[in-house]
Amino acid sequence: MAITWTDVETIAPALSEVSQEAQDAILDYVNDTAGHDLALTYLAAHHGQKVIDGPGGAAAAVQSEQVGPLRVTYAVSSVSDDDLESTTWGRLYKSIAYQSHRLPVVLP
């Protein structure tokens, strides 16, 4: 059974701010993942929280490059298991995924 954004908002009302386009993309992504509906709801909430937090969230590393007097500094995002640790919802998803051994750990 597929989850809806209402399922996500039930556990995380603040995610009502996520745009319809982002909601649709997130739900398409997580509903393609076979597994437990609660875990998928947590995974969708995780991705929704990342949308609200923006691309340069606190978890992003900073990289700086310099050539002569010119210096460029920017955030570097990495796709790793640590990304799920960046939100409560990602940690809850990981907990279910690791306990059940049935769900893949899906990285963004």
PDB file of N, CA and C in Angstrom:
ATOM      1  N   MET A   1       0.843  -1.178   0.000  1.00  0.00           N
ATOM      2  CA  MET A   1       0.000   0.000   0.000  1.00  0.00           C
ATOM      3  C   MET A   1       0.891   1.244   0.000  1.00  0.00           C
ATOM      4  N   ALA A   2       0.571   2.190  -0.829  1.00  0.00           N
ATOM      5  CA  ALA A   2       1.356   3.418  -0.934  1.00  0.00           C
ATOM      6  C   ALA A   2       0.957   4.407   0.160  1.00  0.00           C
ATOM      7  N   ILE A   3       1.930   5.184   0.591  1.00  0.00           N
ATOM      8  CA  ILE A   3       1.637   6.225   1.571  1.00  0.00           C
ATOM      9  C   ILE A   3       1.251   7.516   0.847  1.00  0.00           C
ATOM     10  N   THR A   4       0.580   8.410   1.572  1.00  0.00           N
ATOM     11  CA  THR A   4       0.198   9.715   1.038  1.00  0.00           C
ATOM     12  C   THR A   4       0.903  10.789   1.851  1.00  0.00           C
ATOM     13  N   TRP A   5       0.874  12.032   1.370  1.00  0.00           N
ATOM     14  CA  TRP A   5       1.503  13.113   2.126  1.00  0.00           C
ATOM     15  C   TRP A   5       0.752  13.369   3.428  1.00  0.00           C
ATOM     16  N   THR A   6      -0.540  13.039   3.466  1.00  0.00           N
ATOM     17  CA  THR A   6      -1.311  13.146   4.707  1.00  0.00           C
ATOM     18  C   THR A   6      -0.702  12.248   5.780  1.00  0.00           C
ATOM     19  N   ASP A   7      -0.227  11.059   5.390  1.00  0.00           N
ATOM     20  CA  ASP A   7       0.456  10.167   6.338  1.00  0.00           C
ATOM     21  C   ASP A   7       1.698  10.849   6.906  1.00  0.00           C
ATOM     22  N   VAL A   8       2.420  11.534   6.046  1.00  0.00           N
ATOM     23  CA  VAL A   8       3.639  12.228   6.471  1.00  0.00           C
ATOM     24  C   VAL A   8       3.288  13.384   7.411  1.00  0.00           C
ATOM     25  N   GLU A   9       2.289  14.181   7.038  1.00  0.00           N
ATOM     26  CA  GLU A   9       1.892  15.320   7.865  1.00  0.00           C
ATOM     27  C   GLU A   9       1.305  14.888   9.207  1.00  0.00           C
ATOM     28  N   THR A  10       0.771  13.684   9.278  1.00  0.00           N
ATOM     29  CA  THR A  10       0.251  13.183  10.551  1.00  0.00           C
ATOM     30  C   THR A  10       1.363  13.067  11.582  1.00  0.00           C
ATOM     31  N   ILE A  11       2.544  12.644  11.145  1.00  0.00           N
ATOM     32  CA  ILE A  11       3.666  12.520  12.090  1.00  0.00           C
ATOM     33  C   ILE A  11       4.520  13.777  12.140  1.00  0.00           C
ATOM     34  N   ALA A  12       4.436  14.611  11.094  1.00  0.00           N
ATOM     35  CA  ALA A  12       5.275  15.818  11.018  1.00  0.00           C
ATOM     36  C   ALA A  12       4.468  16.963  10.421  1.00  0.00           C
ATOM     37  N   PRO A  13       3.579  17.584  11.209  1.00  0.00           N
ATOM     38  CA  PRO A  13       2.713  18.647  10.686  1.00  0.00           C
ATOM     39  C   PRO A  13       3.471  19.798  10.032  1.00  0.00           C
ATOM     40  N   ALA A  14       4.677  20.094  10.476  1.00  0.00           N
ATOM     41  CA  ALA A  14       5.446  21.203   9.901  1.00  0.00           C
ATOM     42  C   ALA A  14       5.768  20.972   8.425  1.00  0.00           C
ATOM     43  N   LEU A  15       5.692  19.729   7.970  1.00  0.00           N
ATOM     44  CA  LEU A  15       6.035  19.430   6.579  1.00  0.00           C
ATOM     45  C   LEU A  15       4.905  19.780   5.617  1.00  0.00           C
ATOM     46  N   SER A  16       3.840  20.386   6.127  1.00  0.00           N
ATOM     47  CA  SER A  16       2.788  20.880   5.239  1.00  0.00           C
ATOM     48  C   SER A  16       3.326  22.009   4.356  1.00  0.00           C
ATOM     49  N   GLU A  17       4.478  22.570   4.725  1.00  0.00           N
ATOM     50  CA  GLU A  17       5.110  23.645   3.949  1.00  0.00           C
ATOM     51  C   GLU A  17       5.789  23.139   2.673  1.00  0.00           C
ATOM     52  N   VAL A  18       5.993  21.834   2.562  1.00  0.00           N
ATOM     53  CA  VAL A  18       6.674  21.278   1.389  1.00  0.00           C
ATOM     54  C   VAL A  18       5.772  21.460   0.167  1.00  0.00           C
ATOM     55  N   SER A  19       6.344  21.950  -0.925  1.00  0.00           N
ATOM     56  CA  SER A  19       5.566  22.209  -2.142  1.00  0.00           C
ATOM     57  C   SER A  19       4.948  20.921  -2.685  1.00  0.00           C
ATOM     58  N   GLN A  20       3.880  21.081  -3.443  1.00  0.00           N
ATOM     59  CA  GLN A  20       3.205  19.927  -4.038  1.00  0.00           C
ATOM     60  C   GLN A  20       4.148  19.157  -4.946  1.00  0.00           C
ATOM     61  N   GLU A  21       4.976  19.874  -5.720  1.00  0.00           N
ATOM     62  CA  GLU A  21       5.918  19.193  -6.612  1.00  0.00           C
ATOM     63  C   GLU A  21       6.903  18.339  -5.819  1.00  0.00           C
ATOM     64  N   ALA A  22       7.421  18.886  -4.719  1.00  0.00           N
ATOM     65  CA  ALA A  22       8.354  18.126  -3.889  1.00  0.00           C
ATOM     66  C   ALA A  22       7.649  16.942  -3.245  1.00  0.00           C
ATOM     67  N   GLN A  23       6.417  17.159  -2.775  1.00  0.00           N
ATOM     68  CA  GLN A  23       5.646  16.058  -2.184  1.00  0.00           C
ATOM     69  C   GLN A  23       5.507  14.916  -3.183  1.00  0.00           C
ATOM     70  N   ASP A  24       5.095  15.255  -4.421  1.00  0.00           N
ATOM     71  CA  ASP A  24       4.896  14.230  -5.446  1.00  0.00           C
ATOM     72  C   ASP A  24       6.183  13.480  -5.743  1.00  0.00           C
ATOM     73  N   ALA A  25       7.289  14.219  -5.853  1.00  0.00           N
ATOM     74  CA  ALA A  25       8.574  13.580  -6.149  1.00  0.00           C
ATOM     75  C   ALA A  25       9.009  12.666  -5.013  1.00  0.00           C
ATOM     76  N   ILE A  26       8.860  13.152  -3.788  1.00  0.00           N
ATOM     77  CA  ILE A  26       9.255  12.350  -2.626  1.00  0.00           C
ATOM     78  C   ILE A  26       8.399  11.090  -2.536  1.00  0.00           C
ATOM     79  N   LEU A  27       7.085  11.234  -2.700  1.00  0.00           N
ATOM     80  CA  LEU A  27       6.199  10.070  -2.593  1.00  0.00           C
ATOM     81  C   LEU A  27       6.447   9.070  -3.712  1.00  0.00           C
ATOM     82  N   ASP A  28       6.702   9.559  -4.938  1.00  0.00           N
ATOM     83  CA  ASP A  28       7.048   8.641  -6.027  1.00  0.00           C
ATOM     84  C   ASP A  28       8.295   7.849  -5.659  1.00  0.00           C
ATOM     85  N   TYR A  29       9.270   8.544  -5.104  1.00  0.00           N
ATOM     86  CA  TYR A  29      10.542   7.924  -4.722  1.00  0.00           C
ATOM     87  C   TYR A  29      10.359   6.880  -3.623  1.00  0.00           C
ATOM     88  N   VAL A  30       9.695   7.265  -2.532  1.00  0.00           N
ATOM     89  CA  VAL A  30       9.605   6.326  -1.413  1.00  0.00           C
ATOM     90  C   VAL A  30       8.597   5.221  -1.663  1.00  0.00           C
ATOM     91  N   ASN A  31       7.551   5.487  -2.432  1.00  0.00           N
ATOM     92  CA  ASN A  31       6.573   4.432  -2.704  1.00  0.00           C
ATOM     93  C   ASN A  31       7.110   3.385  -3.660  1.00  0.00           C
ATOM     94  N   ASP A  32       8.189   3.713  -4.381  1.00  0.00           N
ATOM     95  CA  ASP A  32       8.852   2.724  -5.232  1.00  0.00           C
ATOM     96  C   ASP A  32       9.719   1.775  -4.399  1.00  0.00           C
ATOM     97  N   THR A  33       9.965   2.136  -3.152  1.00  0.00           N
ATOM     98  CA  THR A  33      10.767   1.318  -2.261  1.00  0.00           C
ATOM     99  C   THR A  33       9.854   0.312  -1.583  1.00  0.00           C
ATOM    100  N   ALA A  34      10.140  -0.956  -1.765  1.00  0.00           N
ATOM    101  CA  ALA A  34       9.307  -1.972  -1.123  1.00  0.00           C
ATOM    102  C   ALA A  34       9.527  -1.932   0.376  1.00  0.00           C
ATOM    103  N   GLY A  35       8.474  -2.079   1.145  1.00  0.00           N
ATOM    104  CA  GLY A  35       8.669  -2.159   2.577  1.00  0.00           C
ATOM    105  C   GLY A  35       7.509  -1.665   3.401  1.00  0.00           C
ATOM    106  N   HIS A  36       7.781  -1.486   4.629  1.00  0.00           N
ATOM    107  CA  HIS A  36       6.826  -1.138   5.667  1.00  0.00           C
ATOM    108  C   HIS A  36       6.360   0.309   5.518  1.00  0.00           C
ATOM    109  N   ASP A  37       5.030   0.535   5.600  1.00  0.00           N
ATOM    110  CA  ASP A  37       4.487   1.881   5.400  1.00  0.00           C
ATOM    111  C   ASP A  37       5.008   2.898   6.409  1.00  0.00           C
ATOM    112  N   LEU A  38       5.188   2.516   7.659  1.00  0.00           N
ATOM    113  CA  LEU A  38       5.684   3.467   8.647  1.00  0.00           C
ATOM    114  C   LEU A  38       7.103   3.902   8.289  1.00  0.00           C
ATOM    115  N   ALA A  39       7.930   2.955   7.876  1.00  0.00           N
ATOM    116  CA  ALA A  39       9.293   3.303   7.477  1.00  0.00           C
ATOM    117  C   ALA A  39       9.273   4.237   6.277  1.00  0.00           C
ATOM    118  N   LEU A  40       8.390   3.972   5.322  1.00  0.00           N
ATOM    119  CA  LEU A  40       8.298   4.842   4.154  1.00  0.00           C
ATOM    120  C   LEU A  40       7.804   6.228   4.540  1.00  0.00           C
ATOM    121  N   THR A  41       6.909   6.298   5.508  1.00  0.00           N
ATOM    122  CA  THR A  41       6.439   7.596   5.990  1.00  0.00           C
ATOM    123  C   THR A  41       7.592   8.363   6.608  1.00  0.00           C
ATOM    124  N   TYR A  42       8.417   7.681   7.404  1.00  0.00           N
ATOM    125  CA  TYR A  42       9.596   8.326   7.995  1.00  0.00           C
ATOM    126  C   TYR A  42      10.566   8.778   6.911  1.00  0.00           C
ATOM    127  N   LEU A  43      10.755   7.950   5.888  1.00  0.00           N
ATOM    128  CA  LEU A  43      11.672   8.303   4.810  1.00  0.00           C
ATOM    129  C   LEU A  43      11.159   9.532   4.059  1.00  0.00           C
ATOM    130  N   ALA A  44       9.860   9.586   3.800  1.00  0.00           N
ATOM    131  CA  ALA A  44       9.282  10.757   3.131  1.00  0.00           C
ATOM    132  C   ALA A  44       9.419  11.992   4.011  1.00  0.00           C
ATOM    133  N   ALA A  45       9.185  11.842   5.316  1.00  0.00           N
ATOM    134  CA  ALA A  45       9.331  12.970   6.238  1.00  0.00           C
ATOM    135  C   ALA A  45      10.782  13.454   6.252  1.00  0.00           C
ATOM    136  N   HIS A  46      11.724  12.530   6.202  1.00  0.00           N
ATOM    137  CA  HIS A  46      13.146  12.889   6.154  1.00  0.00           C
ATOM    138  C   HIS A  46      13.422  13.769   4.937  1.00  0.00           C
ATOM    139  N   HIS A  47      12.967  13.329   3.770  1.00  0.00           N
ATOM    140  CA  HIS A  47      13.215  14.097   2.550  1.00  0.00           C
ATOM    141  C   HIS A  47      12.467  15.424   2.580  1.00  0.00           C
ATOM    142  N   GLY A  48      11.260  15.442   3.144  1.00  0.00           N
ATOM    143  CA  GLY A  48      10.525  16.695   3.288  1.00  0.00           C
ATOM    144  C   GLY A  48      11.255  17.678   4.176  1.00  0.00           C
ATOM    145  N   GLN A  49      11.819  17.184   5.272  1.00  0.00           N
ATOM    146  CA  GLN A  49      12.580  18.055   6.171  1.00  0.00           C
ATOM    147  C   GLN A  49      13.799  18.626   5.455  1.00  0.00           C
ATOM    148  N   LYS A  50      14.432  17.818   4.608  1.00  0.00           N
ATOM    149  CA  LYS A  50      15.585  18.290   3.844  1.00  0.00           C
ATOM    150  C   LYS A  50      15.173  19.394   2.871  1.00  0.00           C
ATOM    151  N   VAL A  51      13.952  19.303   2.299  1.00  0.00           N
ATOM    152  CA  VAL A  51      13.450  20.352   1.417  1.00  0.00           C
ATOM    153  C   VAL A  51      13.291  21.648   2.205  1.00  0.00           C
ATOM    154  N   ILE A  52      12.694  21.561   3.391  1.00  0.00           N
ATOM    155  CA  ILE A  52      12.493  22.748   4.224  1.00  0.00           C
ATOM    156  C   ILE A  52      13.832  23.327   4.669  1.00  0.00           C
ATOM    157  N   ASP A  53      14.775  22.472   5.050  1.00  0.00           N
ATOM    158  CA  ASP A  53      16.076  22.938   5.524  1.00  0.00           C
ATOM    159  C   ASP A  53      16.889  23.597   4.420  1.00  0.00           C
ATOM    160  N   GLY A  54      16.652  23.229   3.170  1.00  0.00           N
ATOM    161  CA  GLY A  54      17.387  23.806   2.057  1.00  0.00           C
ATOM    162  C   GLY A  54      18.674  23.065   1.777  1.00  0.00           C
ATOM    163  N   PRO A  55      19.277  23.328   0.620  1.00  0.00           N
ATOM    164  CA  PRO A  55      20.461  22.584   0.190  1.00  0.00           C
ATOM    165  C   PRO A  55      21.711  22.862   1.005  1.00  0.00           C
ATOM    166  N   GLY A  56      21.791  23.986   1.662  1.00  0.00           N
ATOM    167  CA  GLY A  56      23.003  24.323   2.404  1.00  0.00           C
ATOM    168  C   GLY A  56      22.806  24.147   3.890  1.00  0.00           C
ATOM    169  N   GLY A  57      22.070  23.104   4.278  1.00  0.00           N
ATOM    170  CA  GLY A  57      21.770  22.881   5.685  1.00  0.00           C
ATOM    171  C   GLY A  57      23.009  22.718   6.533  1.00  0.00           C
ATOM    172  N   ALA A  58      22.811  22.662   7.818  1.00  0.00           N
ATOM    173  CA  ALA A  58      23.919  22.616   8.764  1.00  0.00           C
ATOM    174  C   ALA A  58      24.811  21.400   8.574  1.00  0.00           C
ATOM    175  N   ALA A  59      24.281  20.348   7.967  1.00  0.00           N
ATOM    176  CA  ALA A  59      25.064  19.125   7.837  1.00  0.00           C
ATOM    177  C   ALA A  59      26.043  19.182   6.665  1.00  0.00           C
ATOM    178  N   ALA A  60      25.934  20.202   5.816  1.00  0.00           N
ATOM    179  CA  ALA A  60      26.796  20.275   4.643  1.00  0.00           C
ATOM    180  C   ALA A  60      28.222  20.666   5.033  1.00  0.00           C
ATOM    181  N   ALA A  61      29.177  20.013   4.406  1.00  0.00           N
ATOM    182  CA  ALA A  61      30.580  20.355   4.634  1.00  0.00           C
ATOM    183  C   ALA A  61      30.912  21.595   3.811  1.00  0.00           C
ATOM    184  N   VAL A  62      31.958  22.284   4.199  1.00  0.00           N
ATOM    185  CA  VAL A  62      32.384  23.490   3.476  1.00  0.00           C
ATOM    186  C   VAL A  62      33.701  23.194   2.794  1.00  0.00           C
ATOM    187  N   GLN A  63      33.808  23.611   1.543  1.00  0.00           N
ATOM    188  CA  GLN A  63      35.022  23.431   0.771  1.00  0.00           C
ATOM    189  C   GLN A  63      35.478  24.802   0.316  1.00  0.00           C
ATOM    190  N   SER A  64      36.756  25.017   0.315  1.00  0.00           N
ATOM    191  CA  SER A  64      37.299  26.296  -0.128  1.00  0.00           C
ATOM    192  C   SER A  64      38.444  26.022  -1.087  1.00  0.00           C
ATOM    193  N   GLU A  65      38.489  26.797  -2.162  1.00  0.00           N
ATOM    194  CA  GLU A  65      39.574  26.682  -3.127  1.00  0.00           C
ATOM    195  C   GLU A  65      40.156  28.078  -3.358  1.00  0.00           C
ATOM    196  N   GLN A  66      41.458  28.132  -3.569  1.00  0.00           N
ATOM    197  CA  GLN A  66      42.088  29.427  -3.798  1.00  0.00           C
ATOM    198  C   GLN A  66      43.098  29.304  -4.929  1.00  0.00           C
ATOM    199  N   VAL A  67      43.032  30.253  -5.839  1.00  0.00           N
ATOM    200  CA  VAL A  67      44.010  30.376  -6.912  1.00  0.00           C
ATOM    201  C   VAL A  67      44.465  31.826  -6.878  1.00  0.00           C
ATOM    202  N   GLY A  68      45.704  32.039  -6.461  1.00  0.00           N
ATOM    203  CA  GLY A  68      46.199  33.408  -6.296  1.00  0.00           C
ATOM    204  C   GLY A  68      45.330  34.146  -5.286  1.00  0.00           C
ATOM    205  N   PRO A  69      44.889  35.350  -5.618  1.00  0.00           N
ATOM    206  CA  PRO A  69      44.083  36.123  -4.672  1.00  0.00           C
ATOM    207  C   PRO A  69      42.601  35.733  -4.695  1.00  0.00           C
ATOM    208  N   LEU A  70      42.194  34.874  -5.615  1.00  0.00           N
ATOM    209  CA  LEU A  70      40.785  34.491  -5.753  1.00  0.00           C
ATOM    210  C   LEU A  70      40.478  33.270  -4.889  1.00  0.00           C
ATOM    211  N   ARG A  71      39.494  33.406  -4.003  1.00  0.00           N
ATOM    212  CA  ARG A  71      39.080  32.291  -3.145  1.00  0.00           C
ATOM    213  C   ARG A  71      37.585  32.063  -3.328  1.00  0.00           C
ATOM    214  N   VAL A  72      37.192  30.793  -3.489  1.00  0.00           N
ATOM    215  CA  VAL A  72      35.790  30.399  -3.607  1.00  0.00           C
ATOM    216  C   VAL A  72      35.487  29.409  -2.493  1.00  0.00           C
ATOM    217  N   THR A  73      34.408  29.670  -1.760  1.00  0.00           N
ATOM    218  CA  THR A  73      33.980  28.782  -0.687  1.00  0.00           C
ATOM    219  C   THR A  73      32.543  28.359  -0.958  1.00  0.00           C
ATOM    220  N   TYR A  74      32.238  27.085  -0.785  1.00  0.00           N
ATOM    221  CA  TYR A  74      30.890  26.590  -1.056  1.00  0.00           C
ATOM    222  C   TYR A  74      30.607  25.369  -0.198  1.00  0.00           C
ATOM    223  N   ALA A  75      29.317  25.065  -0.085  1.00  0.00           N
ATOM    224  CA  ALA A  75      28.890  23.878   0.664  1.00  0.00           C
ATOM    225  C   ALA A  75      29.017  22.664  -0.241  1.00  0.00           C
ATOM    226  N   VAL A  76      29.440  21.572   0.335  1.00  0.00           N
ATOM    227  CA  VAL A  76      29.584  20.322  -0.393  1.00  0.00           C
ATOM    228  C   VAL A  76      28.624  19.322   0.233  1.00  0.00           C
ATOM    229  N   SER A  77      27.718  18.812  -0.584  1.00  0.00           N
ATOM    230  CA  SER A  77      26.817  17.795  -0.051  1.00  0.00           C
ATOM    231  C   SER A  77      27.361  16.433  -0.437  1.00  0.00           C
ATOM    232  N   SER A  78      27.164  15.482   0.414  1.00  0.00           N
ATOM    233  CA  SER A  78      27.613  14.135   0.121  1.00  0.00           C
ATOM    234  C   SER A  78      26.449  13.183   0.303  1.00  0.00           C
ATOM    235  N   VAL A  79      26.410  12.185  -0.542  1.00  0.00           N
ATOM    236  CA  VAL A  79      25.380  11.166  -0.435  1.00  0.00           C
ATOM    237  C   VAL A  79      25.980  10.022   0.360  1.00  0.00           C
ATOM    238  N   SER A  80      25.481   9.847   1.565  1.00  0.00           N
ATOM    239  CA  SER A  80      26.008   8.795   2.410  1.00  0.00           C
ATOM    240  C   SER A  80      24.955   8.387   3.418  1.00  0.00           C
ATOM    241  N   ASP A  81      25.236   7.324   4.109  1.00  0.00           N
ATOM    242  CA  ASP A  81      24.355   6.849   5.165  1.00  0.00           C
ATOM    243  C   ASP A  81      24.191   7.922   6.239  1.00  0.00           C
ATOM    244  N   ASP A  82      25.187   8.787   6.388  1.00  0.00           N
ATOM    245  CA  ASP A  82      25.117   9.855   7.380  1.00  0.00           C
ATOM    246  C   ASP A  82      23.999  10.841   7.082  1.00  0.00           C
ATOM    247  N   ASP A  83      23.579  10.948   5.820  1.00  0.00           N
ATOM    248  CA  ASP A  83      22.485  11.862   5.490  1.00  0.00           C
ATOM    249  C   ASP A  83      21.230  11.512   6.277  1.00  0.00           C
ATOM    250  N   LEU A  84      20.956  10.238   6.448  1.00  0.00           N
ATOM    251  CA  LEU A  84      19.778   9.828   7.217  1.00  0.00           C
ATOM    252  C   LEU A  84      19.900  10.228   8.680  1.00  0.00           C
ATOM    253  N   GLU A  85      21.106  10.411   9.163  1.00  0.00           N
ATOM    254  CA  GLU A  85      21.321  10.847  10.549  1.00  0.00           C
ATOM    255  C   GLU A  85      21.016  12.330  10.740  1.00  0.00           C
ATOM    256  N   SER A  86      20.842  13.065   9.645  1.00  0.00           N
ATOM    257  CA  SER A  86      20.674  14.507   9.742  1.00  0.00           C
ATOM    258  C   SER A  86      19.274  14.941  10.165  1.00  0.00           C
ATOM    259  N   THR A  87      18.312  14.006  10.178  1.00  0.00           N
ATOM    260  CA  THR A  87      16.964  14.339  10.652  1.00  0.00           C
ATOM    261  C   THR A  87      16.469  13.242  11.586  1.00  0.00           C
ATOM    262  N   THR A  88      15.550  13.621  12.443  1.00  0.00           N
ATOM    263  CA  THR A  88      14.905  12.623  13.319  1.00  0.00           C
ATOM    264  C   THR A  88      14.235  11.548  12.486  1.00  0.00           C
ATOM    265  N   TRP A  89      13.585  11.970  11.402  1.00  0.00           N
ATOM    266  CA  TRP A  89      12.852  11.023  10.557  1.00  0.00           C
ATOM    267  C   TRP A  89      13.800  10.046   9.872  1.00  0.00           C
ATOM    268  N   GLY A  90      14.958  10.501   9.441  1.00  0.00           N
ATOM    269  CA  GLY A  90      15.941   9.611   8.832  1.00  0.00           C
ATOM    270  C   GLY A  90      16.456   8.586   9.827  1.00  0.00           C
ATOM    271  N   ARG A  91      16.688   9.039  11.068  1.00  0.00           N
ATOM    272  CA  ARG A  91      17.147   8.092  12.104  1.00  0.00           C
ATOM    273  C   ARG A  91      16.074   7.057  12.411  1.00  0.00           C
ATOM    274  N   LEU A  92      14.803   7.474  12.446  1.00  0.00           N
ATOM    275  CA  LEU A  92      13.719   6.520  12.685  1.00  0.00           C
ATOM    276  C   LEU A  92      13.605   5.528  11.529  1.00  0.00           C
ATOM    277  N   TYR A  93      13.764   6.025  10.313  1.00  0.00           N
ATOM    278  CA  TYR A  93      13.746   5.140   9.146  1.00  0.00           C
ATOM    279  C   TYR A  93      14.856   4.099   9.242  1.00  0.00           C
ATOM    280  N   LYS A  94      16.079   4.574   9.542  1.00  0.00           N
ATOM    281  CA  LYS A  94      17.206   3.646   9.667  1.00  0.00           C
ATOM    282  C   LYS A  94      16.948   2.600  10.731  1.00  0.00           C
ATOM    283  N   SER A  95      16.362   3.008  11.844  1.00  0.00           N
ATOM    284  CA  SER A  95      16.082   2.079  12.925  1.00  0.00           C
ATOM    285  C   SER A  95      15.187   0.938  12.449  1.00  0.00           C
ATOM    286  N   ILE A  96      14.128   1.282  11.749  1.00  0.00           N
ATOM    287  CA  ILE A  96      13.220   0.247  11.230  1.00  0.00           C
ATOM    288  C   ILE A  96      13.921  -0.587  10.161  1.00  0.00           C
ATOM    289  N   ALA A  97      14.636   0.068   9.259  1.00  0.00           N
ATOM    290  CA  ALA A  97      15.302  -0.640   8.165  1.00  0.00           C
ATOM    291  C   ALA A  97      16.319  -1.639   8.700  1.00  0.00           C
ATOM    292  N   TYR A  98      17.108  -1.224   9.673  1.00  0.00           N
ATOM    293  CA  TYR A  98      18.132  -2.114  10.205  1.00  0.00           C
ATOM    294  C   TYR A  98      17.535  -3.232  11.053  1.00  0.00           C
ATOM    295  N   GLN A  99      16.451  -2.947  11.761  1.00  0.00           N
ATOM    296  CA  GLN A  99      15.831  -3.969  12.606  1.00  0.00           C
ATOM    297  C   GLN A  99      15.133  -5.033  11.772  1.00  0.00           C
ATOM    298  N   SER A 100      14.478  -4.611  10.699  1.00  0.00           N
ATOM    299  CA  SER A 100      13.687  -5.552   9.918  1.00  0.00           C
ATOM    300  C   SER A 100      14.526  -6.335   8.912  1.00  0.00           C
ATOM    301  N   HIS A 101      15.634  -5.792   8.498  1.00  0.00           N
ATOM    302  CA  HIS A 101      16.486  -6.397   7.475  1.00  0.00           C
ATOM    303  C   HIS A 101      15.716  -6.656   6.188  1.00  0.00           C
ATOM    304  N   ARG A 102      14.529  -6.038   6.071  1.00  0.00           N
ATOM    305  CA  ARG A 102      13.732  -6.206   4.863  1.00  0.00           C
ATOM    306  C   ARG A 102      13.796  -4.973   3.984  1.00  0.00           C
ATOM    307  N   LEU A 103      14.078  -3.827   4.597  1.00  0.00           N
ATOM    308  CA  LEU A 103      14.044  -2.584   3.847  1.00  0.00           C
ATOM    309  C   LEU A 103      15.452  -2.165   3.452  1.00  0.00           C
ATOM    310  N   PRO A 104      15.601  -1.676   2.245  1.00  0.00           N
ATOM    311  CA  PRO A 104      16.891  -1.115   1.880  1.00  0.00           C
ATOM    312  C   PRO A 104      17.068   0.231   2.576  1.00  0.00           C
ATOM    313  N   VAL A 105      18.283   0.595   2.870  1.00  0.00           N
ATOM    314  CA  VAL A 105      18.556   1.953   3.331  1.00  0.00           C
ATOM    315  C   VAL A 105      18.707   2.782   2.066  1.00  0.00           C
ATOM    316  N   VAL A 106      17.744   3.653   1.805  1.00  0.00           N
ATOM    317  CA  VAL A 106      17.700   4.427   0.575  1.00  0.00           C
ATOM    318  C   VAL A 106      18.318   5.781   0.821  1.00  0.00           C
ATOM    319  N   LEU A 107      19.343   6.088   0.089  1.00  0.00           N
ATOM    320  CA  LEU A 107      20.017   7.379   0.223  1.00  0.00           C
ATOM    321  C   LEU A 107      19.463   8.351  -0.801  1.00  0.00           C
ATOM    322  N   PRO A 108      19.485   9.630  -0.469  1.00  0.00           N
ATOM    323  CA  PRO A 108      18.941  10.630  -1.390  1.00  0.00           C
ATOM    324  C   PRO A 108      19.750  10.718  -2.663  1.00  0.00           C
TER     325      PRO A 108
END
